[in-house]
């Protein structure tokens, strides 16, 4: 009980508690002095008969309360078969309330499977842009080829979001975002934009940070183009945090209050279903999404439930560290988990019962081992899967134990393109390949030098490709017999209208794990 009181005191101190209070009554139909839909629209989590629609009213996204009075606002929504919104198939009204930052999450049902729809919101005399979304194929249906994109890591200060303009032009069926949607910290060199505020700690702080990021027109275009599925990494809360442990020694109750504020702001700004609504510092976002008989996506959370990183740097309570694996006995403790026991069990059950032709893990960081010590010995980065080798082995063993069809891990976090074989034992050249891995570079976030990465490749023969020189995303087409992935590289992120081209293409054949250069 005392710990609960301590948490609530910290929550109030960080400004997250006020959002739980009562609201004023409904407001009459209103006139807005400026556009309240400045953050655009989004959709996500398609099912065969529905999808989640999102928007947030914010006349001034960088002002307290989004520049709106703290009153409830009725928001009308419309879904149609055509872009002109003449063939309306569903509509209704939902309240945007100040305690949820005037965000709305509409779970539309009763739609037809495997087809495109268009949608729009309206409040008072204002209308939102029109968004495009689609439903998933019917359960077990032989689906047409699936076209999806995946991306991660978009530090606002370090570049423009031109990659999202190119994703929108590709018109994919789905986007998977793998984490670091916002950055809480300012870092890097040669900034082209500015956060304009310090590091966020309170709910108001995080709301403003999301308002800044989501004000970008290219990011809005990416959201309006198709439905998204999303997971987070560390920077949505705090660099390198693990479960209830921050990097810098902040007291536990205060950090959980900060995490509660960050999770609430995340929900308020993402097209998430109501079942993912946060409860204080807890928010379950891991889930599965089926695409007919063709593919099953497993959206994983590698932050909220993980064991603390092993052997942190001296003077740190947590956070990642690059170290010689022989000097950290804790690293090899097989009980340590990246996903937490409950999520591991649910993932194992979902893999065991999958009938999909392709099984795709949408998660934060590369799974393949990366030995960062050229020559004898091995050095590992402890904030990624290399810091949790027992948990990684359990995951890879699940693929073999259940004979999972075509397992593919998507990864981000490291700001480089990558392709790798996933093996039961990375130290045994003869060990079988059990799954494939594709890694996207960052949308904007800066990376370590390519020359340094190339020094590691001789000691990591299972890694087929690395390139940290470019920002961008990955474009994927999935058919029953073949998956084809194009690594899409931006010419620069220092100019809004920069071009994008294909750096490399990889193919994965049905029944043959391991990406091959196409």
Protein backbone atom coordinates (compact mmCIF):
# COMPACT_ATOMS: atom_id res chain seq x y z
CA UNK A 1 0.00 0.00 0.00
CA UNK A 2 2.86 2.34 0.80
CA UNK A 3 4.41 1.70 -2.63
CA UNK A 4 1.07 2.52 -4.25
CA UNK A 5 0.88 5.84 -2.34
CA UNK A 6 4.47 6.64 -3.32
CA UNK A 7 3.65 6.00 -6.98
CA UNK A 8 0.55 8.22 -6.85
CA UNK A 9 2.51 11.04 -5.22
CA UNK A 10 5.14 10.79 -7.95
CA UNK A 11 2.42 10.65 -10.61
CA UNK A 12 0.94 13.90 -9.33
CA UNK A 13 4.36 15.51 -9.15
CA UNK A 14 5.00 14.67 -12.81
CA UNK A 15 1.64 16.07 -13.89
CA UNK A 16 0.12 12.77 -15.05
CA UNK A 17 -2.57 12.54 -12.38
CA UNK A 18 -4.64 15.54 -13.39
CA UNK A 19 -5.76 13.78 -16.56
CA UNK A 20 -7.75 11.33 -14.43
CA UNK A 21 -10.09 13.98 -13.05
CA UNK A 22 -13.62 14.86 -14.08
CA UNK A 23 -14.45 16.85 -17.22
CA UNK A 24 -16.74 19.70 -17.87
CA UNK A 25 -20.04 18.99 -19.59
CA UNK A 26 -20.60 18.69 -23.34
CA UNK A 27 -19.98 21.80 -25.40
CA UNK A 28 -22.41 23.08 -28.05
CA UNK A 29 -21.58 22.75 -31.73
CA UNK A 30 -18.66 25.09 -32.14
CA UNK A 31 -16.68 27.21 -34.50
CA UNK A 32 -12.91 26.73 -34.47
CA UNK A 33 -10.74 29.79 -35.02
CA UNK A 34 -8.03 27.52 -36.51
CA UNK A 35 -7.94 24.00 -37.90
CA UNK A 36 -8.33 21.46 -35.04
CA UNK A 37 -7.19 18.57 -37.27
CA UNK A 38 -3.59 19.76 -37.58
CA UNK A 39 -2.26 16.34 -36.57
CA UNK A 40 -3.99 14.54 -39.43
CA UNK A 41 -5.68 11.15 -39.32
CA UNK A 42 -4.56 7.55 -39.02
CA UNK A 43 -5.86 3.99 -39.00
CA UNK A 44 -4.57 0.71 -37.69
CA UNK A 45 -5.02 -2.92 -36.70
CA UNK A 46 -7.20 -4.08 -39.60
CA UNK A 47 -9.38 -7.17 -39.18
CA UNK A 48 -11.51 -8.85 -41.86
CA UNK A 49 -14.52 -6.74 -40.84
CA UNK A 50 -13.05 -3.57 -39.40
CA UNK A 51 -10.26 -1.19 -38.51
CA UNK A 52 -9.33 1.41 -35.86
CA UNK A 53 -9.62 5.06 -36.94
CA UNK A 54 -7.74 7.81 -35.09
CA UNK A 55 -7.44 11.56 -34.88
CA UNK A 56 -6.77 14.18 -32.23
CA UNK A 57 -8.21 17.67 -32.03
CA UNK A 58 -5.37 20.13 -31.52
CA UNK A 59 -5.70 23.68 -32.82
CA UNK A 60 -2.22 24.40 -31.43
CA UNK A 61 -0.34 21.10 -30.89
CA UNK A 62 2.48 22.82 -28.97
CA UNK A 63 0.18 24.60 -26.50
CA UNK A 64 -1.27 23.23 -23.25
CA UNK A 65 -4.40 21.17 -23.94
CA UNK A 66 -3.66 21.41 -27.67
CA UNK A 67 -4.97 24.97 -27.72
CA UNK A 68 -8.54 23.85 -26.88
CA UNK A 69 -10.78 24.55 -23.92
CA UNK A 70 -11.07 21.60 -21.47
CA UNK A 71 -14.53 20.54 -22.68
CA UNK A 72 -15.91 17.51 -24.46
CA UNK A 73 -16.22 17.87 -28.22
CA UNK A 74 -18.49 15.67 -30.38
CA UNK A 75 -16.57 14.30 -33.35
CA UNK A 76 -18.38 12.81 -36.33
CA UNK A 77 -16.77 10.08 -38.43
CA UNK A 78 -17.61 8.67 -41.82
CA UNK A 79 -16.37 5.62 -43.75
CA UNK A 80 -17.05 5.19 -47.47
CA UNK A 81 -16.18 2.95 -50.40
CA UNK A 82 -14.92 5.89 -52.45
CA UNK A 83 -12.50 8.76 -51.92
CA UNK A 84 -15.23 11.35 -52.49
CA UNK A 85 -17.14 9.81 -49.55
CA UNK A 86 -20.36 9.41 -51.54
CA UNK A 87 -20.88 5.66 -50.90
CA UNK A 88 -21.03 5.82 -47.12
CA UNK A 89 -21.00 2.42 -45.37
CA UNK A 90 -20.57 3.47 -41.72
CA UNK A 91 -20.79 6.65 -39.65
CA UNK A 92 -21.26 7.84 -36.12
CA UNK A 93 -20.27 10.29 -33.40
CA UNK A 94 -17.70 9.92 -30.64
CA UNK A 95 -16.68 12.35 -27.90
CA UNK A 96 -13.18 13.79 -27.79
CA UNK A 97 -12.47 14.42 -24.11
CA UNK A 98 -9.76 16.59 -22.53
CA UNK A 99 -8.55 13.82 -20.21
CA UNK A 100 -7.42 11.91 -23.34
CA UNK A 101 -6.05 15.04 -25.06
CA UNK A 102 -9.14 15.24 -27.30
CA UNK A 103 -8.01 12.10 -29.14
CA UNK A 104 -10.52 9.68 -30.65
CA UNK A 105 -10.18 5.96 -31.37
CA UNK A 106 -13.09 4.58 -33.41
CA UNK A 107 -13.29 0.81 -33.86
CA UNK A 108 -15.35 0.37 -37.01
CA UNK A 109 -17.00 -3.00 -37.59
CA UNK A 110 -19.25 -4.51 -40.26
CA UNK A 111 -16.95 -3.79 -43.22
CA UNK A 112 -16.15 -6.19 -46.06
CA UNK A 113 -12.89 -8.16 -45.96
CA UNK A 114 -9.91 -7.39 -48.20
CA UNK A 115 -11.03 -4.05 -49.57
CA UNK A 116 -10.05 -0.39 -49.40
CA UNK A 117 -12.09 2.31 -47.68
CA UNK A 118 -11.82 6.07 -47.16
CA UNK A 119 -12.68 7.95 -43.97
CA UNK A 120 -12.94 11.44 -42.52
CA UNK A 121 -13.66 13.14 -39.18
CA UNK A 122 -15.56 16.37 -38.52
CA UNK A 123 -15.98 18.53 -35.42
CA UNK A 124 -18.07 21.67 -35.29
CA UNK A 125 -17.48 23.42 -38.61
CA UNK A 126 -14.09 21.72 -39.24
CA UNK A 127 -13.29 18.65 -41.31
CA UNK A 128 -10.19 16.47 -41.24
CA UNK A 129 -8.21 15.33 -44.27
CA UNK A 130 -9.48 12.14 -45.90
CA UNK A 131 -7.59 8.99 -44.98
CA UNK A 132 -7.32 5.69 -46.84
CA UNK A 133 -7.50 2.35 -45.05
CA UNK A 134 -8.35 -1.26 -45.70
CA UNK A 135 -9.51 -4.44 -44.06
CA UNK A 136 -7.61 -7.70 -43.79
CA UNK A 137 -8.58 -10.74 -45.86
CA UNK A 138 -11.08 -13.17 -44.37
CA UNK A 139 -9.70 -15.71 -41.89
CA UNK A 140 -8.01 -18.55 -43.75
CA UNK A 141 -8.61 -16.95 -47.15
CA UNK A 142 -6.06 -17.33 -49.93
CA UNK A 143 -5.02 -13.69 -50.05
CA UNK A 144 -3.56 -11.69 -52.90
CA UNK A 145 0.09 -10.67 -52.43
CA UNK A 146 0.58 -8.43 -49.41
CA UNK A 147 2.59 -5.23 -49.80
CA UNK A 148 3.83 -3.70 -46.56
CA UNK A 149 6.53 -1.32 -45.37
CA UNK A 150 8.41 -1.27 -42.10
CA UNK A 151 10.40 1.51 -40.48
CA UNK A 152 11.73 2.85 -37.17
CA UNK A 153 13.69 5.60 -35.41
CA UNK A 154 12.67 9.10 -36.47
CA UNK A 155 14.66 11.65 -34.45
CA UNK A 156 12.96 14.92 -35.41
CA UNK A 157 16.01 17.13 -35.04
CA UNK A 158 18.22 15.03 -37.31
CA UNK A 159 16.27 15.26 -40.54
CA UNK A 160 13.07 15.58 -42.51
CA UNK A 161 10.57 12.75 -42.85
CA UNK A 162 10.74 12.48 -46.63
CA UNK A 163 10.80 8.69 -46.37
CA UNK A 164 7.14 8.77 -45.36
CA UNK A 165 6.28 10.67 -48.53
CA UNK A 166 7.79 7.79 -50.51
CA UNK A 167 5.99 5.19 -48.39
CA UNK A 168 2.70 6.95 -49.13
CA UNK A 169 3.50 6.95 -52.85
CA UNK A 170 4.13 3.19 -52.67
CA UNK A 171 0.52 2.75 -51.42
CA UNK A 172 1.24 -0.33 -49.26
CA UNK A 173 -1.48 -2.43 -47.67
CA UNK A 174 0.06 -2.05 -44.24
CA UNK A 175 2.87 -0.30 -42.33
CA UNK A 176 4.68 -1.84 -39.35
CA UNK A 177 6.46 0.73 -37.18
CA UNK A 178 9.07 -0.83 -34.91
CA UNK A 179 9.78 1.84 -32.31
CA UNK A 180 11.32 5.21 -31.45
CA UNK A 181 8.40 7.14 -32.92
CA UNK A 182 9.50 10.11 -30.82
CA UNK A 183 12.79 10.86 -29.07
CA UNK A 184 12.77 12.13 -25.55
CA UNK A 185 16.35 13.33 -25.80
CA UNK A 186 18.32 15.73 -27.99
CA UNK A 187 21.49 14.19 -29.41
CA UNK A 188 23.50 13.90 -32.60
CA UNK A 189 25.20 16.46 -34.80
CA UNK A 190 24.29 19.01 -37.48
CA UNK A 191 20.62 19.29 -36.57
CA UNK A 192 18.21 20.52 -39.24
CA UNK A 193 15.26 21.05 -36.88
CA UNK A 194 14.81 21.63 -33.14
CA UNK A 195 12.63 20.11 -30.43
CA UNK A 196 12.18 23.56 -28.97
CA UNK A 197 11.84 22.11 -25.47
CA UNK A 198 13.79 20.05 -22.99
CA UNK A 199 13.40 16.37 -22.19
CA UNK A 200 9.78 15.38 -21.41
CA UNK A 201 8.84 14.07 -17.97
CA UNK A 202 5.17 15.00 -17.51
CA UNK A 203 2.10 14.08 -19.48
CA UNK A 204 1.91 17.64 -20.82
CA UNK A 205 5.55 17.38 -21.95
CA UNK A 206 4.99 14.14 -23.85
CA UNK A 207 1.82 15.46 -25.48
CA UNK A 208 3.73 18.44 -26.82
CA UNK A 209 6.52 16.20 -28.12
CA UNK A 210 4.01 14.05 -30.01
CA UNK A 211 2.29 17.18 -31.25
CA UNK A 212 5.60 18.39 -32.70
CA UNK A 213 6.44 15.09 -34.41
CA UNK A 214 2.94 14.47 -35.75
CA UNK A 215 2.76 17.98 -37.19
CA UNK A 216 5.10 16.83 -39.95
CA UNK A 217 3.17 16.68 -43.24
CA UNK A 218 5.09 13.70 -44.64
CA UNK A 219 4.50 11.63 -41.51
CA UNK A 220 0.81 12.50 -41.74
CA UNK A 221 0.82 11.32 -45.36
CA UNK A 222 2.30 8.00 -44.31
CA UNK A 223 -0.45 7.53 -41.73
CA UNK A 224 -3.23 8.56 -44.12
CA UNK A 225 -2.07 6.11 -46.82
CA UNK A 226 -2.92 2.80 -45.11
CA UNK A 227 -3.42 1.12 -41.71
CA UNK A 228 -0.47 0.74 -39.32
CA UNK A 229 0.56 -1.68 -36.62
CA UNK A 230 3.01 -0.28 -34.07
CA UNK A 231 5.31 -1.13 -31.22
CA UNK A 232 7.58 1.05 -29.13
CA UNK A 233 11.22 0.93 -28.14
CA UNK A 234 12.98 2.99 -25.48
CA UNK A 235 12.83 6.61 -26.65
CA UNK A 236 9.06 6.81 -26.35
CA UNK A 237 9.86 6.89 -22.61
CA UNK A 238 13.58 7.09 -21.73
CA UNK A 239 16.80 5.91 -23.39
CA UNK A 240 17.64 2.26 -22.65
CA UNK A 241 15.00 1.79 -19.96
CA UNK A 242 14.21 -1.79 -18.96
CA UNK A 243 10.88 -2.57 -17.32
CA UNK A 244 10.75 -0.35 -14.20
CA UNK A 245 14.43 0.59 -14.30
CA UNK A 246 15.60 3.79 -16.02
CA UNK A 247 19.10 4.37 -17.33
CA UNK A 248 20.03 7.13 -14.90
CA UNK A 249 19.01 6.05 -11.39
CA UNK A 250 15.68 7.88 -11.14
CA UNK A 251 13.71 6.48 -8.15
CA UNK A 252 11.40 3.64 -9.13
CA UNK A 253 8.12 5.33 -8.20
CA UNK A 254 9.08 8.51 -10.03
CA UNK A 255 10.13 6.56 -13.10
CA UNK A 256 6.88 4.56 -13.15
CA UNK A 257 4.99 7.86 -13.00
CA UNK A 258 7.03 9.09 -15.95
CA UNK A 259 6.34 5.82 -17.78
CA UNK A 260 2.62 6.22 -17.08
CA UNK A 261 2.68 9.69 -18.64
CA UNK A 262 4.64 8.45 -21.66
CA UNK A 263 2.38 5.43 -22.22
CA UNK A 264 -0.75 7.56 -21.95
CA UNK A 265 0.58 10.03 -24.51
CA UNK A 266 1.53 7.12 -26.78
CA UNK A 267 -2.03 5.78 -26.68
CA UNK A 268 -3.45 9.24 -27.30
CA UNK A 269 -1.44 9.60 -30.51
CA UNK A 270 -1.60 6.14 -32.09
CA UNK A 271 -4.40 4.27 -33.93
CA UNK A 272 -4.66 1.66 -31.16
CA UNK A 273 -7.72 -0.38 -30.16
CA UNK A 274 -9.40 0.27 -26.81
CA UNK A 275 -8.06 -2.98 -25.36
CA UNK A 276 -4.58 -1.35 -25.40
CA UNK A 277 -5.62 1.67 -23.34
CA UNK A 278 -3.04 2.11 -20.56
CA UNK A 279 -3.66 1.50 -16.88
CA UNK A 280 -1.19 3.79 -15.13
CA UNK A 281 2.32 2.59 -16.00
CA UNK A 282 1.02 -0.64 -17.62
CA UNK A 283 -0.08 -0.96 -21.22
CA UNK A 284 -0.31 -4.23 -23.12
CA UNK A 285 0.51 -3.63 -26.78
CA UNK A 286 1.76 -7.09 -27.83
CA UNK A 287 -0.71 -8.87 -30.08
CA UNK A 288 -1.14 -10.85 -33.30
CA UNK A 289 -2.68 -9.79 -36.60
CA UNK A 290 -3.68 -12.26 -39.33
CA UNK A 291 -3.67 -11.54 -43.05
CA UNK A 292 -5.85 -14.36 -44.35
CA UNK A 293 -3.90 -17.60 -44.80
CA UNK A 294 -0.89 -15.72 -46.13
CA UNK A 295 0.70 -14.10 -43.07
CA UNK A 296 0.50 -13.67 -39.34
CA UNK A 297 2.17 -10.69 -37.65
CA UNK A 298 3.35 -10.93 -34.05
CA UNK A 299 3.69 -7.43 -32.59
CA UNK A 300 6.10 -7.70 -29.64
CA UNK A 301 7.01 -5.46 -26.69
CA UNK A 302 10.69 -5.76 -25.83
CA UNK A 303 10.76 -2.95 -23.22
CA UNK A 304 7.98 -3.12 -20.65
CA UNK A 305 8.63 -6.62 -19.29
CA UNK A 306 12.32 -7.27 -19.89
CA UNK A 307 14.93 -8.14 -17.29
CA UNK A 308 17.36 -5.31 -16.50
CA UNK A 309 20.44 -5.18 -18.71
CA UNK A 310 23.34 -7.22 -17.41
CA UNK A 311 26.47 -5.54 -16.04
CA UNK A 312 25.63 -1.85 -16.68
CA UNK A 313 28.36 0.75 -16.92
CA UNK A 314 29.94 1.87 -13.67
CA UNK A 315 27.84 4.55 -12.02
CA UNK A 316 24.68 3.58 -13.93
CA UNK A 317 21.63 1.79 -12.54
CA UNK A 318 20.77 0.35 -15.93
CA UNK A 319 21.18 0.83 -19.66
CA UNK A 320 23.18 -0.85 -22.38
CA UNK A 321 26.87 -1.61 -22.38
CA UNK A 322 29.26 -3.12 -24.91
CA UNK A 323 31.38 -5.67 -23.07
CA UNK A 324 33.44 -8.83 -23.31
CA UNK A 325 30.96 -11.65 -22.70
CA UNK A 326 33.47 -13.55 -20.54
CA UNK A 327 33.48 -10.69 -18.02
CA UNK A 328 29.74 -10.73 -17.31
CA UNK A 329 28.44 -13.97 -15.78
CA UNK A 330 24.97 -12.44 -15.38
CA UNK A 331 24.67 -12.19 -19.16
CA UNK A 332 24.47 -15.98 -19.48
CA UNK A 333 21.68 -16.47 -16.91
CA UNK A 334 19.06 -18.29 -18.96
CA UNK A 335 16.24 -17.03 -16.71
CA UNK A 336 16.66 -13.49 -17.99
CA UNK A 337 13.97 -12.45 -20.47
CA UNK A 338 13.60 -9.87 -23.21
CA UNK A 339 9.81 -10.26 -23.43
CA UNK A 340 8.79 -11.36 -19.94
CA UNK A 341 7.35 -14.76 -19.05
CA UNK A 342 3.72 -14.02 -19.95
CA UNK A 343 4.54 -12.59 -23.37
CA UNK A 344 6.95 -15.47 -24.11
CA UNK A 345 4.18 -17.99 -23.34
CA UNK A 346 1.60 -16.18 -25.46
CA UNK A 347 4.03 -15.90 -28.37
CA UNK A 348 4.87 -19.61 -28.14
CA UNK A 349 1.17 -20.51 -28.18
CA UNK A 350 0.45 -18.22 -31.14
CA UNK A 351 3.36 -19.69 -33.11
CA UNK A 352 2.27 -23.24 -32.28
CA UNK A 353 -1.25 -22.67 -33.60
CA UNK A 354 -0.42 -20.58 -36.64
CA UNK A 355 -1.66 -21.83 -40.02
CA UNK A 356 -0.13 -18.91 -41.89
CA UNK A 357 2.33 -19.40 -44.75
CA UNK A 358 4.56 -16.56 -43.42
CA UNK A 359 5.06 -15.76 -39.73
CA UNK A 360 6.43 -12.26 -39.19
CA UNK A 361 7.77 -10.87 -35.90
CA UNK A 362 7.34 -7.08 -35.73
CA UNK A 363 9.76 -6.20 -32.95
CA UNK A 364 12.33 -3.61 -32.04
CA UNK A 365 15.92 -4.69 -32.47
CA UNK A 366 18.03 -7.21 -34.44
CA UNK A 367 17.93 -10.78 -33.14
CA UNK A 368 21.04 -12.06 -34.95
CA UNK A 369 24.20 -12.23 -32.87
CA UNK A 370 26.66 -9.42 -33.61
CA UNK A 371 30.16 -10.07 -32.33
CA UNK A 372 31.73 -6.62 -32.01
CA UNK A 373 35.27 -7.83 -31.33
CA UNK A 374 37.26 -8.61 -34.49
CA UNK A 375 39.34 -11.74 -33.98
CA UNK A 376 39.24 -14.09 -30.95
CA UNK A 377 36.68 -13.51 -28.22
CA UNK A 378 33.33 -11.78 -28.42
CA UNK A 379 31.92 -8.41 -27.37
CA UNK A 380 28.16 -7.87 -27.13
CA UNK A 381 25.80 -4.91 -26.81
CA UNK A 382 23.65 -5.71 -23.78
CA UNK A 383 20.56 -3.61 -24.61
CA UNK A 384 19.63 -5.81 -27.60
CA UNK A 385 19.04 -9.55 -28.02
CA UNK A 386 22.80 -10.13 -27.61
CA UNK A 387 22.22 -9.13 -23.99
CA UNK A 388 19.60 -11.85 -23.56
CA UNK A 389 21.11 -14.96 -25.22
CA UNK A 390 18.99 -17.40 -23.20
CA UNK A 391 15.77 -15.66 -24.22
CA UNK A 392 16.93 -15.58 -27.84
CA UNK A 393 17.65 -19.30 -27.77
CA UNK A 394 14.15 -20.01 -26.40
CA UNK A 395 12.61 -17.95 -29.18
CA UNK A 396 14.58 -19.64 -31.95
CA UNK A 397 13.87 -23.07 -30.44
CA UNK A 398 10.14 -22.32 -30.69
CA UNK A 399 10.44 -21.98 -34.47
CA UNK A 400 11.93 -25.45 -34.73
CA UNK A 401 9.76 -27.11 -32.08
CA UNK A 402 6.50 -26.07 -33.76
CA UNK A 403 7.79 -26.27 -37.34
CA UNK A 404 6.70 -22.69 -37.86
CA UNK A 405 6.30 -21.92 -41.55
CA UNK A 406 8.69 -19.27 -42.88
CA UNK A 407 9.52 -17.35 -39.68
CA UNK A 408 10.79 -13.85 -40.40
CA UNK A 409 12.00 -11.33 -37.80
CA UNK A 410 11.77 -7.63 -38.59
CA UNK A 411 14.09 -5.35 -36.63
CA UNK A 412 15.00 -1.69 -36.29
CA UNK A 413 16.71 0.31 -33.52
CA UNK A 414 20.31 0.19 -34.85
CA UNK A 415 19.91 2.75 -37.69
CA UNK A 416 21.24 0.48 -40.42
CA UNK A 417 19.92 -1.86 -43.07
CA UNK A 418 20.59 -5.54 -42.44
CA UNK A 419 19.82 -9.07 -43.59
CA UNK A 420 20.79 -12.19 -41.68
CA UNK A 421 20.30 -15.90 -41.12
CA UNK A 422 18.94 -16.74 -37.68
CA UNK A 423 20.55 -19.90 -36.32
CA UNK A 424 20.03 -22.06 -33.26
CA UNK A 425 23.75 -21.64 -32.49
CA UNK A 426 25.53 -18.65 -34.03
CA UNK A 427 28.92 -19.94 -32.91
CA UNK A 428 28.54 -23.21 -34.84
CA UNK A 429 29.06 -22.75 -38.60
CA UNK A 430 27.21 -26.03 -39.20
CA UNK A 431 24.14 -25.10 -37.15
CA UNK A 432 20.96 -25.00 -39.25
CA UNK A 433 19.29 -21.76 -40.28
CA UNK A 434 15.90 -21.66 -38.58
CA UNK A 435 14.56 -18.23 -39.59
CA UNK A 436 15.24 -15.09 -41.60
CA UNK A 437 15.88 -11.54 -40.45
CA UNK A 438 15.48 -8.18 -42.17
CA UNK A 439 16.48 -4.93 -40.46
CA UNK A 440 15.42 -1.43 -41.48
CA UNK A 441 17.56 1.63 -41.12
CA UNK A 442 16.19 4.74 -39.43
CA UNK A 443 13.83 7.30 -40.89
CA UNK A 444 16.25 10.04 -39.76
CA UNK A 445 18.33 8.94 -36.75
CA UNK A 446 22.09 9.00 -37.20
CA UNK A 447 24.23 5.86 -37.23
CA UNK A 448 27.67 4.55 -36.47
CA UNK A 449 30.24 4.55 -39.33
CA UNK A 450 29.88 1.92 -42.05
CA UNK A 451 33.63 1.22 -41.90
CA UNK A 452 33.32 0.04 -38.32
CA UNK A 453 30.47 -2.34 -39.14
CA UNK A 454 32.41 -3.88 -42.02
CA UNK A 455 35.19 -4.77 -39.56
CA UNK A 456 32.72 -7.03 -37.74
CA UNK A 457 31.49 -9.05 -40.73
CA UNK A 458 34.27 -11.70 -40.85
CA UNK A 459 33.29 -12.77 -37.32
CA UNK A 460 29.57 -12.83 -38.17
CA UNK A 461 29.17 -14.97 -41.31
CA UNK A 462 25.42 -15.35 -40.71
CA UNK A 463 25.00 -11.60 -41.39
CA UNK A 464 24.51 -11.21 -45.14
CA UNK A 465 24.36 -7.42 -45.38
CA UNK A 466 24.82 -4.24 -43.34
CA UNK A 467 24.66 -0.61 -44.43
CA UNK A 468 24.53 2.33 -42.04
CA UNK A 469 25.15 5.06 -44.63
CA UNK A 470 21.52 5.66 -45.55
CA UNK A 471 18.23 6.56 -43.91
CA UNK A 472 15.00 5.12 -45.25
CA UNK A 473 12.65 2.13 -44.89
CA UNK A 474 12.02 -1.38 -46.23
CA UNK A 475 9.36 -2.23 -48.82
CA UNK A 476 8.14 -5.84 -48.81
CA UNK A 477 5.92 -7.93 -51.08
CA UNK A 478 4.71 -11.28 -49.76
CA UNK A 479 3.27 -14.02 -51.99
CA UNK A 480 2.74 -17.67 -51.00
CA UNK A 481 5.96 -18.86 -52.62
CA UNK A 482 8.26 -15.85 -52.25
CA UNK A 483 8.91 -12.81 -50.08
CA UNK A 484 10.78 -9.93 -51.70
CA UNK A 485 12.21 -7.00 -49.74
CA UNK A 486 13.64 -3.76 -51.14
CA UNK A 487 15.87 -1.62 -48.94
CA UNK A 488 14.78 1.92 -49.79
CA UNK A 489 17.51 4.53 -49.21
CA UNK A 490 16.99 8.27 -49.00
CA UNK A 491 19.41 10.48 -50.93
CA UNK A 492 19.51 12.79 -47.89
CA UNK A 493 17.33 13.73 -44.92
CA UNK A 494 18.57 17.31 -44.88
CA UNK A 495 16.17 18.31 -47.70
CA UNK A 496 12.40 17.82 -47.58
CA UNK A 497 12.02 16.80 -51.24
CA UNK A 498 14.92 14.33 -51.43
CA UNK A 499 14.78 11.33 -53.75
CA UNK A 500 14.64 7.69 -52.67
CA UNK A 501 16.05 4.63 -54.46
CA UNK A 502 16.49 0.90 -53.90
CA UNK A 503 19.85 0.14 -52.30
CA UNK A 504 19.53 -3.66 -52.34
CA UNK A 505 16.89 -6.36 -52.78
CA UNK A 506 16.57 -9.62 -50.88
CA UNK A 507 14.34 -12.62 -51.49
CA UNK A 508 13.21 -15.40 -49.15
CA UNK A 509 11.80 -18.54 -50.71
CA UNK A 510 8.95 -20.51 -49.18
CA UNK A 511 10.46 -23.32 -47.11
CA UNK A 512 14.04 -22.06 -47.39
CA UNK A 513 15.01 -19.86 -44.41
CA UNK A 514 17.59 -17.15 -44.94
CA UNK A 515 17.43 -14.01 -47.12
CA UNK A 516 19.23 -14.23 -50.46
CA UNK A 517 20.50 -11.22 -52.42
CA UNK A 518 18.26 -10.80 -55.45
